[in-house]
Amino acid sequence: MTGKIVCFGELLVRLTAPGRELLFQSGRLDAHFGGAEANLAVGLACLGQPSAMVSRVPQNALGEAAIGYLRRHSVSADHVSFGAGRMGLYFLSAGAGLRPSSIVYDREGSSFAAASKADFDWDRLLDGAEFLHLSGITPALGERSAEAALAAAEAARARGVKISFDGNYRAQLWQRWDSDPREILGQLVGNADILFGNHRDISLLLGREFSGDGEGRRREAAEAALNAFPQLQMIASTARHVDDADRHRIGARIDRRESAFQTEEVVVAGIVDRIGAGDAFAAGVLHGVLGGGDDERSARYGLALACLKHSLRGDASLFTQADIDAFLSGELDVRR
């Protein structure tokens, strides 16, 4: 295993209606910490990969508890600073039957969104890092956050630090300000070595649709992105088919310029919580890459963590290598 993964993004408090209730149906909410980049950092740390979080939180009980959450899961929080503003929140109502899950964001004026690119000293923050992980959520928060994300990517590229980027397009966030998501996300992907995204993300980036369905469409989109962004070396994605809130079918693939690998589709039933499954997938793929595995192993690691995450309440994957191995071997009996 090699150097640490530095994750840059906002730490959030997630407030969830209990069970399958609608928001405020009973007036109770369950709290978890989350955020796409923090989810990946926690997922990697649970797999033994050294990870660090760069963020900003308010200096109050919420911010301090978020830092404590990272440290409990062995993520370095030394570069999570305090700043003026509030804690970002989001509210979740989990889906049931044919009713999908729904999310309401409450993130304006947060300490992280108020930070500027000058608040992050990337010479210091990237010291010893092999990867910088970013997502499309950070630039969606506003102009200051978009500038900060671009500055982080440019600093990493200048220092020879590899960049993994998760598209994570959030229309609700981009629509809150006078933004140009295609332009901003294109700049970020242009600096990335690894992209986590599917044909819909690539359609947004390139301003074109892709024909067909299934593997053919995903390969066509991947080839177009790899041609458009010379720095990009690998695209990792999942395909999800939703039968109902409790039963999904998920497959994973990795595309390079000269090759592609796609897993079989796995049925995920009895879903407890699907939020964060994409971050778990990214953590599994990066775990495979950092361990020197081939694309098949990286894709299967990502698929394993994504599927396992559906069994766990909260945002982040808390699974270990032993859990991945048991999943891939088909071991479902009690482990004693």
Foldseek 3Di string as FASTA:
>chain_A
DFFEEEEEDAKAKEWEDPDQDDPCPVDHTDIFIDDLRLQLQLLLLLAVGAYEYAFEAAPDPVLVVSLVVSVVSVYHDPRHYYFDFHHWYKYWRPFDFAGHIDMDTDGPRGRRLPDALVVDDLVVSCVRAQEYEYELVQLLQDDRSLRNLLVNLVSCLVVNRAYEYEHPDDVVSNVVDPDQSLVSVLSNLLSHQEYEDFLVSLCSNVVHHFDDDDPVRRQVSVLVSCVVRVNYAKYKYKDWDDPTSFKIWIKIKMDGNVDIDIDDIDIQGRFDDQAQLSSQLVSQLVVCVVVVHDRVNSRLRSVQRSSVVRNDPHRHRNDYPVSSVCVVVVNDDDDD
